[in-house]
Amino acid sequence: MRWYDSLRRQAEIAFVRHRGRQVGLPTLVAFGVEERGRRSRITISVSTSIGGAVVRNLVRRRIRGALDAKPPGARPLRVLFVARPPAASEPYARLAADVETALDRLRGL
């Protein structure tokens, strides 16, 4: 079972993107705000500029895998991860390090 739930409603995603704190890294950009619920809620956006469907799904799975490997933090967050084109060509270790860095910076709200 994952330590986070999915952020699905378009209005909530837009709120996080426009009002959230932004962390820019080479492979992704993360937007985050504090969550009042018990669990964090996360969504991953991978645009067609990354590549075809196979590449986009690979990047999405790699980000999700990096999230699953990281333990939950003390404070729940609403987070939007937006993958950048280098995410498709970087090794998993670099992508996982960027995901961890983004979450650590967002938790320091």
Protein backbone atom coordinates (compact mmCIF):
# COMPACT_ATOMS: atom_id res chain seq x y z
CA MET A 1 0.00 0.00 0.00
CA ARG A 2 1.32 3.41 -0.91
CA TRP A 3 1.91 6.09 1.71
CA TYR A 4 0.11 8.66 -0.44
CA ASP A 5 -3.18 8.98 -2.28
CA SER A 6 -3.72 10.31 -5.79
CA LEU A 7 -4.58 13.95 -6.36
CA ARG A 8 -7.21 13.71 -9.10
CA ARG A 9 -9.55 16.70 -9.22
CA GLN A 10 -8.55 19.29 -11.81
CA ALA A 11 -9.45 22.18 -9.48
CA GLU A 12 -7.14 20.84 -6.76
CA ILE A 13 -4.30 20.30 -9.23
CA ALA A 14 -4.73 23.87 -10.51
CA PHE A 15 -4.74 25.17 -6.93
CA VAL A 16 -1.47 23.38 -6.15
CA ARG A 17 0.12 24.62 -9.36
CA HIS A 18 -0.87 28.26 -8.89
CA ARG A 19 -0.70 28.66 -5.11
CA GLY A 20 1.90 26.06 -4.15
CA ARG A 21 5.56 26.46 -3.48
CA GLN A 22 7.68 25.60 -6.53
CA VAL A 23 10.88 23.55 -6.54
CA GLY A 24 12.71 23.37 -9.86
CA LEU A 25 15.23 20.59 -10.49
CA PRO A 26 16.92 19.33 -13.67
CA THR A 27 14.51 16.43 -14.25
CA LEU A 28 11.28 17.76 -12.78
CA VAL A 29 9.41 20.65 -11.21
CA ALA A 30 7.41 20.06 -8.03
CA PHE A 31 4.62 22.23 -6.67
CA GLY A 32 3.37 21.64 -3.14
CA VAL A 33 1.04 22.92 -0.43
CA GLU A 34 0.25 21.56 3.00
CA GLU A 35 -2.52 18.97 3.17
CA ARG A 36 -5.02 19.14 6.02
CA GLY A 37 -5.91 15.46 5.75
CA ARG A 38 -4.07 12.53 7.22
CA ARG A 39 -2.24 11.41 4.07
CA SER A 40 -0.33 13.17 1.35
CA ARG A 41 -1.90 13.38 -2.10
CA ILE A 42 0.34 13.35 -5.16
CA THR A 43 -0.11 13.60 -8.92
CA ILE A 44 2.42 13.23 -11.72
CA SER A 45 2.20 15.11 -15.02
CA VAL A 46 4.24 14.00 -18.03
CA SER A 47 3.56 15.97 -21.20
CA THR A 48 4.00 14.87 -24.80
CA SER A 49 7.18 16.96 -25.00
CA ILE A 50 8.85 14.14 -23.04
CA GLY A 51 8.20 11.58 -25.78
CA GLY A 52 5.72 9.00 -26.93
CA ALA A 53 3.33 7.07 -24.73
CA VAL A 54 5.88 4.38 -23.86
CA VAL A 55 8.46 6.94 -22.72
CA ARG A 56 5.88 9.00 -20.79
CA ASN A 57 4.63 5.91 -18.96
CA LEU A 58 8.21 4.88 -18.16
CA VAL A 59 8.95 8.29 -16.65
CA ARG A 60 5.69 8.20 -14.67
CA ARG A 61 6.49 4.71 -13.33
CA ARG A 62 10.03 5.74 -12.39
CA ILE A 63 8.79 8.79 -10.44
CA ARG A 64 6.15 6.64 -8.72
CA GLY A 65 8.85 4.06 -7.89
CA ALA A 66 11.03 6.76 -6.35
CA LEU A 67 8.05 7.91 -4.26
CA ASP A 68 7.31 4.37 -3.11
CA ALA A 69 10.93 3.91 -1.98
CA LYS A 70 10.80 7.06 0.19
CA PRO A 71 9.15 6.83 3.63
CA PRO A 72 6.28 9.22 4.39
CA GLY A 73 7.14 12.52 5.99
CA ALA A 74 5.75 13.94 9.20
CA ARG A 75 3.58 16.54 7.45
CA PRO A 76 1.17 15.54 4.68
CA LEU A 77 1.39 17.50 1.43
CA ARG A 78 -0.47 17.97 -1.83
CA VAL A 79 2.19 17.67 -4.54
CA LEU A 80 2.22 18.02 -8.31
CA PHE A 81 5.29 16.62 -10.09
CA VAL A 82 5.81 17.90 -13.65
CA ALA A 83 8.45 15.95 -15.54
CA ARG A 84 10.95 17.81 -17.73
CA PRO A 85 12.38 16.36 -20.97
CA PRO A 86 15.72 15.32 -19.36
CA ALA A 87 13.74 12.93 -17.10
CA ALA A 88 13.45 10.51 -20.03
CA SER A 89 17.20 10.18 -20.55
CA GLU A 90 18.55 10.48 -17.00
CA PRO A 91 19.27 7.32 -14.98
CA TYR A 92 16.80 6.24 -12.32
CA ALA A 93 19.20 7.20 -9.51
CA ARG A 94 19.24 10.84 -10.67
CA LEU A 95 15.46 10.97 -11.00
CA ALA A 96 14.98 9.38 -7.57
CA ALA A 97 17.43 11.87 -6.03
CA ASP A 98 15.50 14.77 -7.58
CA VAL A 99 12.18 13.41 -6.26
CA GLU A 100 13.66 13.11 -2.76
CA THR A 101 15.19 16.60 -2.93
CA ALA A 102 11.88 18.09 -4.09
CA LEU A 103 9.93 16.46 -1.26
CA ASP A 104 12.49 17.54 1.33
CA ARG A 105 12.38 21.14 0.10
CA LEU A 106 8.57 21.18 0.00
CA ARG A 107 8.37 19.81 3.53
CA GLY A 108 10.45 22.75 4.68
CA LEU A 109 7.49 25.06 3.88
